[in-house]
Amino acid sequence: MKTEEIIIDAENRSLGRVAAETASRLRGKTSAKYLPNIAPKTRVKVINFSKIKITGAKLEQKTYKRYSGYPGGLRYISMKKMMEQNPKMLFEKTVRGMLPKNKLMKEILKNLTVEL
């Protein structure tokens, strides 16, 4: 199977729309040879991510949480702070939520690259 490379320009597009298109392409759903149990050899590159449009009051209101596993280890981070610190992680987390929660997710996410 031949490796296909797709470039998605995120300039002036909303975060969710770009993430949905990226997840669909990574999964291989746009291909005629789509099989749900096989990770396709499709590499997706998202460019101009720093110019993405975030609608509404999500920057101030939306929070992400992570847990260390220890008592009192629950940490919250706002979308604004995550966008400043590591915007690539924000996009990968958004796309990860749109992929199936199985063994293929890790394999599929290796084919995603994000450029600021």
N, C-alpha and C. Protein backbone atom coordinates (compact mmCIF):
# COMPACT_ATOMS: atom_id res chain seq x y z
N MET A 1 0.83 -1.18 0.00
CA MET A 1 0.00 0.00 0.00
C MET A 1 0.87 1.24 0.00
N LYS A 2 0.50 2.22 -0.78
CA LYS A 2 1.27 3.44 -0.92
C LYS A 2 0.89 4.44 0.17
N THR A 3 1.90 5.15 0.70
CA THR A 3 1.65 6.15 1.73
C THR A 3 1.15 7.43 1.08
N GLU A 4 0.04 7.94 1.58
CA GLU A 4 -0.57 9.16 1.06
C GLU A 4 -0.33 10.28 2.06
N GLU A 5 0.03 11.47 1.57
CA GLU A 5 0.26 12.60 2.46
C GLU A 5 -0.75 13.70 2.14
N ILE A 6 -1.44 14.16 3.17
CA ILE A 6 -2.47 15.19 3.02
C ILE A 6 -2.08 16.40 3.84
N ILE A 7 -2.21 17.58 3.27
CA ILE A 7 -1.90 18.83 3.97
C ILE A 7 -3.19 19.60 4.18
N ILE A 8 -3.46 19.99 5.44
CA ILE A 8 -4.66 20.74 5.78
C ILE A 8 -4.23 22.10 6.30
N ASP A 9 -4.75 23.16 5.70
CA ASP A 9 -4.44 24.52 6.13
C ASP A 9 -5.49 24.96 7.17
N ALA A 10 -5.04 25.31 8.37
CA ALA A 10 -5.95 25.65 9.47
C ALA A 10 -6.18 27.15 9.62
N GLU A 11 -5.65 27.95 8.73
CA GLU A 11 -5.77 29.40 8.86
C GLU A 11 -7.22 29.85 8.74
N ASN A 12 -7.69 30.62 9.74
CA ASN A 12 -9.04 31.18 9.79
C ASN A 12 -10.14 30.12 9.74
N ARG A 13 -9.88 28.93 10.27
CA ARG A 13 -10.90 27.88 10.38
C ARG A 13 -11.06 27.54 11.85
N SER A 14 -12.24 27.08 12.24
CA SER A 14 -12.48 26.77 13.65
C SER A 14 -11.78 25.46 14.04
N LEU A 15 -11.45 25.37 15.31
CA LEU A 15 -10.69 24.24 15.84
C LEU A 15 -11.41 22.91 15.61
N GLY A 16 -12.70 22.86 15.91
CA GLY A 16 -13.45 21.62 15.79
C GLY A 16 -13.59 21.13 14.36
N ARG A 17 -13.75 22.04 13.45
CA ARG A 17 -13.91 21.66 12.03
C ARG A 17 -12.62 21.09 11.47
N VAL A 18 -11.50 21.72 11.82
CA VAL A 18 -10.21 21.22 11.36
C VAL A 18 -9.92 19.86 12.00
N ALA A 19 -10.22 19.72 13.28
CA ALA A 19 -9.98 18.46 13.98
C ALA A 19 -10.85 17.34 13.42
N ALA A 20 -12.10 17.63 13.09
CA ALA A 20 -12.99 16.62 12.53
C ALA A 20 -12.51 16.15 11.16
N GLU A 21 -12.07 17.09 10.35
CA GLU A 21 -11.54 16.72 9.02
C GLU A 21 -10.27 15.90 9.17
N THR A 22 -9.41 16.31 10.09
CA THR A 22 -8.15 15.60 10.33
C THR A 22 -8.41 14.17 10.81
N ALA A 23 -9.32 14.02 11.77
CA ALA A 23 -9.63 12.68 12.30
C ALA A 23 -10.20 11.78 11.21
N SER A 24 -11.04 12.32 10.38
CA SER A 24 -11.63 11.54 9.30
C SER A 24 -10.57 11.08 8.29
N ARG A 25 -9.66 12.00 7.96
CA ARG A 25 -8.59 11.66 7.02
C ARG A 25 -7.61 10.65 7.62
N LEU A 26 -7.26 10.85 8.89
CA LEU A 26 -6.35 9.92 9.56
C LEU A 26 -6.93 8.51 9.64
N ARG A 27 -8.20 8.44 9.83
CA ARG A 27 -8.90 7.16 9.96
C ARG A 27 -9.01 6.46 8.61
N GLY A 28 -8.94 7.25 7.51
CA GLY A 28 -9.02 6.67 6.17
C GLY A 28 -10.42 6.61 5.62
N LYS A 29 -11.34 7.34 6.23
CA LYS A 29 -12.74 7.27 5.81
C LYS A 29 -12.99 7.92 4.45
N THR A 30 -12.08 8.73 3.96
CA THR A 30 -12.26 9.36 2.66
C THR A 30 -11.76 8.47 1.53
N SER A 31 -11.15 7.36 1.87
CA SER A 31 -10.60 6.45 0.88
C SER A 31 -11.62 5.38 0.50
N ALA A 32 -11.53 4.90 -0.71
CA ALA A 32 -12.42 3.83 -1.17
C ALA A 32 -12.03 2.49 -0.55
N LYS A 33 -10.80 2.39 -0.06
CA LYS A 33 -10.30 1.14 0.53
C LYS A 33 -10.41 1.16 2.05
N TYR A 34 -11.38 1.84 2.61
CA TYR A 34 -11.54 1.97 4.06
C TYR A 34 -11.88 0.64 4.71
N LEU A 35 -11.11 0.29 5.73
CA LEU A 35 -11.40 -0.87 6.56
C LEU A 35 -11.31 -0.41 8.02
N PRO A 36 -12.35 -0.63 8.83
CA PRO A 36 -12.34 -0.10 10.19
C PRO A 36 -11.32 -0.73 11.13
N ASN A 37 -10.84 -1.93 10.79
CA ASN A 37 -9.91 -2.61 11.69
C ASN A 37 -8.45 -2.48 11.28
N ILE A 38 -8.16 -1.69 10.26
CA ILE A 38 -6.79 -1.51 9.78
C ILE A 38 -6.46 -0.02 9.73
N ALA A 39 -5.33 0.33 10.30
CA ALA A 39 -4.88 1.73 10.25
C ALA A 39 -4.31 2.02 8.87
N PRO A 40 -4.83 3.04 8.17
CA PRO A 40 -4.34 3.33 6.83
C PRO A 40 -2.96 4.00 6.87
N LYS A 41 -2.28 3.97 5.75
CA LYS A 41 -0.97 4.61 5.64
C LYS A 41 -1.15 6.02 5.09
N THR A 42 -1.90 6.82 5.82
CA THR A 42 -2.18 8.19 5.44
C THR A 42 -1.55 9.11 6.47
N ARG A 43 -0.68 10.00 6.00
CA ARG A 43 -0.05 10.97 6.88
C ARG A 43 -0.74 12.32 6.68
N VAL A 44 -1.12 12.95 7.78
CA VAL A 44 -1.82 14.24 7.71
C VAL A 44 -0.94 15.30 8.38
N LYS A 45 -0.74 16.39 7.66
CA LYS A 45 0.06 17.50 8.15
C LYS A 45 -0.84 18.73 8.24
N VAL A 46 -0.95 19.31 9.43
CA VAL A 46 -1.77 20.50 9.63
C VAL A 46 -0.83 21.70 9.72
N ILE A 47 -1.03 22.67 8.84
CA ILE A 47 -0.16 23.85 8.81
C ILE A 47 -0.94 25.08 9.28
N ASN A 48 -0.21 26.11 9.69
CA ASN A 48 -0.77 27.39 10.16
C ASN A 48 -1.70 27.20 11.36
N PHE A 49 -1.34 26.32 12.28
CA PHE A 49 -2.21 26.08 13.43
C PHE A 49 -2.27 27.28 14.37
N SER A 50 -1.23 28.10 14.40
CA SER A 50 -1.23 29.26 15.29
C SER A 50 -2.27 30.31 14.86
N LYS A 51 -2.76 30.22 13.62
CA LYS A 51 -3.74 31.19 13.10
C LYS A 51 -5.16 30.61 13.14
N ILE A 52 -5.37 29.59 13.95
CA ILE A 52 -6.69 28.96 14.03
C ILE A 52 -7.68 29.86 14.76
N LYS A 53 -8.96 29.71 14.44
CA LYS A 53 -10.00 30.54 15.05
C LYS A 53 -10.70 29.72 16.13
N ILE A 54 -10.76 30.27 17.34
CA ILE A 54 -11.48 29.63 18.44
C ILE A 54 -12.68 30.50 18.74
N THR A 55 -13.87 29.95 18.56
CA THR A 55 -15.10 30.72 18.66
C THR A 55 -15.61 30.80 20.08
N GLY A 56 -16.43 31.80 20.34
CA GLY A 56 -17.09 31.94 21.64
C GLY A 56 -16.11 32.29 22.75
N ALA A 57 -16.48 31.93 23.97
CA ALA A 57 -15.66 32.23 25.15
C ALA A 57 -14.89 31.00 25.60
N LYS A 58 -14.58 30.10 24.65
CA LYS A 58 -13.90 28.86 25.00
C LYS A 58 -12.52 29.10 25.59
N LEU A 59 -11.80 30.10 25.12
CA LEU A 59 -10.45 30.34 25.61
C LEU A 59 -10.42 30.54 27.12
N GLU A 60 -11.39 31.25 27.67
CA GLU A 60 -11.41 31.51 29.11
C GLU A 60 -12.16 30.43 29.89
N GLN A 61 -13.21 29.86 29.30
CA GLN A 61 -14.10 28.98 30.05
C GLN A 61 -13.73 27.49 29.99
N LYS A 62 -13.23 27.02 28.86
CA LYS A 62 -12.97 25.58 28.71
C LYS A 62 -11.72 25.18 29.49
N THR A 63 -11.83 24.08 30.22
CA THR A 63 -10.69 23.57 30.98
C THR A 63 -10.46 22.10 30.64
N TYR A 64 -9.23 21.70 30.73
CA TYR A 64 -8.84 20.31 30.55
C TYR A 64 -8.29 19.81 31.88
N LYS A 65 -8.54 18.55 32.17
CA LYS A 65 -8.03 18.03 33.44
C LYS A 65 -7.17 16.81 33.21
N ARG A 66 -6.25 16.60 34.14
CA ARG A 66 -5.41 15.41 34.12
C ARG A 66 -5.20 14.98 35.56
N TYR A 67 -4.97 13.71 35.73
CA TYR A 67 -4.86 13.15 37.07
C TYR A 67 -3.57 12.36 37.17
N SER A 68 -2.79 12.63 38.20
CA SER A 68 -1.49 11.97 38.37
C SER A 68 -1.63 10.57 38.96
N GLY A 69 -2.75 10.28 39.59
CA GLY A 69 -2.93 8.98 40.22
C GLY A 69 -2.74 9.03 41.72
N TYR A 70 -2.27 10.16 42.21
CA TYR A 70 -2.06 10.33 43.65
C TYR A 70 -3.21 11.14 44.25
N PRO A 71 -3.46 10.97 45.55
CA PRO A 71 -4.50 11.79 46.19
C PRO A 71 -4.16 13.28 46.06
N GLY A 72 -5.14 14.06 45.65
CA GLY A 72 -4.92 15.49 45.45
C GLY A 72 -4.17 15.80 44.17
N GLY A 73 -4.07 14.85 43.26
CA GLY A 73 -3.28 15.02 42.04
C GLY A 73 -4.09 15.46 40.83
N LEU A 74 -5.32 15.93 41.02
CA LEU A 74 -6.15 16.38 39.92
C LEU A 74 -5.78 17.81 39.57
N ARG A 75 -5.38 18.05 38.33
CA ARG A 75 -4.94 19.37 37.88
C ARG A 75 -5.82 19.84 36.72
N TYR A 76 -6.17 21.12 36.74
CA TYR A 76 -6.95 21.73 35.67
C TYR A 76 -6.08 22.75 34.95
N ILE A 77 -6.26 22.85 33.64
CA ILE A 77 -5.56 23.86 32.84
C ILE A 77 -6.57 24.44 31.86
N SER A 78 -6.55 25.76 31.70
CA SER A 78 -7.50 26.41 30.79
C SER A 78 -7.00 26.29 29.35
N MET A 79 -7.93 26.46 28.43
CA MET A 79 -7.59 26.36 27.02
C MET A 79 -6.60 27.46 26.63
N LYS A 80 -6.77 28.64 27.21
CA LYS A 80 -5.88 29.76 26.91
C LYS A 80 -4.44 29.44 27.31
N LYS A 81 -4.28 28.89 28.51
CA LYS A 81 -2.95 28.56 29.01
C LYS A 81 -2.33 27.43 28.18
N MET A 82 -3.15 26.45 27.79
CA MET A 82 -2.64 25.35 26.98
C MET A 82 -2.24 25.84 25.60
N MET A 83 -3.00 26.79 25.05
CA MET A 83 -2.67 27.35 23.74
C MET A 83 -1.35 28.10 23.79
N GLU A 84 -1.08 28.77 24.91
CA GLU A 84 0.19 29.49 25.06
C GLU A 84 1.36 28.53 25.26
N GLN A 85 1.16 27.51 26.11
CA GLN A 85 2.25 26.60 26.47
C GLN A 85 2.56 25.59 25.37
N ASN A 86 1.55 24.87 24.91
CA ASN A 86 1.76 23.80 23.95
C ASN A 86 0.55 23.63 23.03
N PRO A 87 0.45 24.44 21.97
CA PRO A 87 -0.72 24.35 21.09
C PRO A 87 -0.82 23.02 20.34
N LYS A 88 0.31 22.37 20.10
CA LYS A 88 0.26 21.07 19.42
C LYS A 88 -0.47 20.04 20.27
N MET A 89 -0.23 20.08 21.58
CA MET A 89 -0.89 19.14 22.48
C MET A 89 -2.40 19.38 22.50
N LEU A 90 -2.80 20.65 22.42
CA LEU A 90 -4.22 20.99 22.39
C LEU A 90 -4.90 20.35 21.17
N PHE A 91 -4.26 20.46 20.01
CA PHE A 91 -4.85 19.90 18.79
C PHE A 91 -4.85 18.38 18.84
N GLU A 92 -3.77 17.78 19.31
CA GLU A 92 -3.71 16.32 19.39
C GLU A 92 -4.76 15.78 20.35
N LYS A 93 -5.00 16.50 21.44
CA LYS A 93 -6.02 16.10 22.41
C LYS A 93 -7.42 16.19 21.78
N THR A 94 -7.64 17.21 20.97
CA THR A 94 -8.92 17.37 20.29
C THR A 94 -9.16 16.25 19.28
N VAL A 95 -8.14 15.93 18.49
CA VAL A 95 -8.26 14.87 17.49
C VAL A 95 -8.39 13.51 18.17
N ARG A 96 -7.65 13.31 19.26
CA ARG A 96 -7.70 12.04 20.00
C ARG A 96 -9.12 11.73 20.47
N GLY A 97 -9.86 12.76 20.86
CA GLY A 97 -11.24 12.57 21.30
C GLY A 97 -12.18 12.16 20.20
N MET A 98 -11.78 12.38 18.95
CA MET A 98 -12.62 12.04 17.80
C MET A 98 -12.26 10.69 17.18
N LEU A 99 -11.20 10.06 17.67
CA LEU A 99 -10.79 8.77 17.15
C LEU A 99 -11.37 7.65 18.00
N PRO A 100 -11.43 6.42 17.48
CA PRO A 100 -11.95 5.31 18.27
C PRO A 100 -11.03 4.99 19.44
N LYS A 101 -11.63 4.61 20.55
CA LYS A 101 -10.86 4.33 21.76
C LYS A 101 -10.46 2.86 21.76
N ASN A 102 -9.47 2.50 20.94
CA ASN A 102 -8.97 1.14 20.88
C ASN A 102 -7.48 1.15 20.55
N LYS A 103 -6.92 0.01 20.22
CA LYS A 103 -5.49 -0.11 19.98
C LYS A 103 -5.02 0.66 18.75
N LEU A 104 -5.94 0.94 17.84
CA LEU A 104 -5.56 1.66 16.62
C LEU A 104 -5.29 3.14 16.86
N MET A 105 -5.87 3.71 17.94
CA MET A 105 -5.73 5.15 18.16
C MET A 105 -4.27 5.57 18.24
N LYS A 106 -3.47 4.83 19.00
CA LYS A 106 -2.05 5.16 19.15
C LYS A 106 -1.33 5.09 17.81
N GLU A 107 -1.66 4.07 17.04
CA GLU A 107 -1.03 3.87 15.74
C GLU A 107 -1.43 4.97 14.75
N ILE A 108 -2.69 5.38 14.80
CA ILE A 108 -3.19 6.41 13.89
C ILE A 108 -2.59 7.77 14.23
N LEU A 109 -2.46 8.08 15.53
CA LEU A 109 -1.94 9.38 15.94
C LEU A 109 -0.47 9.59 15.57
N LYS A 110 0.26 8.53 15.30
CA LYS A 110 1.65 8.66 14.88
C LYS A 110 1.76 9.33 13.50
N ASN A 111 0.67 9.28 12.74
CA ASN A 111 0.66 9.85 11.39
C ASN A 111 0.25 11.31 11.35
N LEU A 112 0.09 11.94 12.51
CA LEU A 112 -0.34 13.34 12.58
C LEU A 112 0.86 14.23 12.92
N THR A 113 1.05 15.28 12.11
CA THR A 113 2.06 16.30 12.42
C THR A 113 1.38 17.67 12.38
N VAL A 114 1.74 18.51 13.34
CA VAL A 114 1.15 19.84 13.45
C VAL A 114 2.27 20.88 13.37
N GLU A 115 2.11 21.85 12.48
CA GLU A 115 3.08 22.93 12.34
C GLU A 115 2.41 24.23 12.73
N LEU A 116 3.12 25.02 13.51
CA LEU A 116 2.58 26.30 13.94
C LEU A 116 2.77 27.29 12.83
